[in-house]
């Protein structure tokens, strides 16, 4: 067993350890199953010799009663084994699924930028399912088959030790194909799991983009893309099937050769009177049942390899470390009182180019500062760094003189609220979405926040009011309605520092008026960082920062900036007026 396999087995054992007592009870059931299977051979030997050779009618009655009793007891033992192992498997996967979710929710923005949500979903669903199958079925097969093999081996040696040695020597030869096939199956299984993630990705893109697909008549194009990914998975699946399918016939052939040898030479001994017919047929049955566990291992092998491939992909996620996390000595950020300061801040999403370059700015309490400029000039990055979605490459961001890297993420984000153009609503009720992050808020507080966000009237007109389900990403609501719920959520949170990222863009005139009025209420008595492309929304800001290539190009109030000759703000304003 190579080092990687040992590592995955060791890590998986950590999750199995709490259930070791139940596993041992399952082993007892499996031992009983194997012992009862061996006892059938004793009944078989005595029945053949007693009934067919000695004409013993009493033995006929004993055999008729013994066989169903033994099978009933075997059934009970198998039920106990099956229930306990499935119980263990379900609990292990539940624990792993919870740990995986906790890890995913703790990871930073960069992880989600680099990994598509569909591929992450594949690990939480498809890979966990494959691992669950391995956890439930593999131990059952290995332990039960091992015990059955040992029981049959003891019975075989008891019946005829000489022929048992011949049979036993042949087992290492039978194991050679399994070793050869194991590596191929694992490699193909891992490739198949990765390809299944691509299928998830194609499916999710279709579900999220179905409106665009319908509008542009690209159904066939998407079908062909999905067919390509589906066919690739089909090829990997067939590769596993081909290898797996070859193993069973080879094992069966080797078993048949062993039985044929025993049948020929053992049959000759029976004819010569060296042993009884009952012992001979019981021995043949024991040999057949010894090869059955070996044949089963060929099937279990594919489950082992698939489970190891899945475990590897799951542990890759569990081993991820958040890029942004609390320092070991992180302190609680005190309530905001004075200012937010960007001091010589430089930052880039890639190593070859900075989005912000030696950026300096002070935002005083109660001040509204608007950022404008061309796309890619660094406006949204300023807000993302304040929330510590990313950390600065150099320089620091200070709140009341305290570096935000030295305070806890929870205390920092409690004091910063955000309303963005891309509103995220959860597939739950309107009440839940408004109260999100403020779950202890009363119903009256929720209604008051909705009124201040100009959302109460449209919510009240809905059939279920505040209990109305908004659908995935709020699909049942209009853009303006979603935006007002987002504002109500920020009002309820009541943060001293507020980020407004294109909060009124992409709305019709009526919705924009309602949203802008709600935004104005939200901005009162707060320190506001306002990001906008439309200059009409920033005219009343206390200070307007014009960004260009990661630096502050111009700064001032609207009236001052439009008077600058050849100024960037003036040119932007003239373009939008036109």
Foldseek 3Di string as FASTA:
>chain_A
DDPLLVVLVVVLVVLLVVLVVLQVVLLVLLLLLLQLVLVVLVLLLCCCCVCVPVVPVVSVVVSVVSVVVSVVSSVVSVVSNLVSQLVSLVSSLVVLLVLLVVLVVPAFPVVCVVDPPLLSVLLSPVLSVLLSCLSRPVVSLVSSLVSNLVSLLVLLCVLPVVLSVVLVVLVVVLCVLLVVLLVQLLVLLLVLSNLVSVLSVLVVCCVVCVVVCVVVVCPVVSVVVNVVSVVVSVVSVVSNVVSLVVSLVSLVVSLVVSLVVCCVVVVVCCVVVVHDPSSSVSSSVSSVSNSVSVSVVSVSSSSSSNSSSSSVVSVVSSPDDHPAFADPQAAFDDAFDWKKWFAQFWADPDPPATLAGGETDIFTFLAEEEEEEDPSLCQVVVVCCQLPSDDTPDTAIDGVHHGPNRHGSVNSVLQEAEQALQFAAAQFFLLCLLCPVVVVDDPVLLLVLLVLLVQQVVQVPDPVRRRDGQHHRSPNDDSLNSLSSSLSSLVSSLHQEYEYHQSQPPDDPVSSVSRLSSVVSSSGSHRYYYYHHDCVSCQPGQKYFYGGSNYGPDMDHPVVQCPDPVGPSVVSVVVVVD
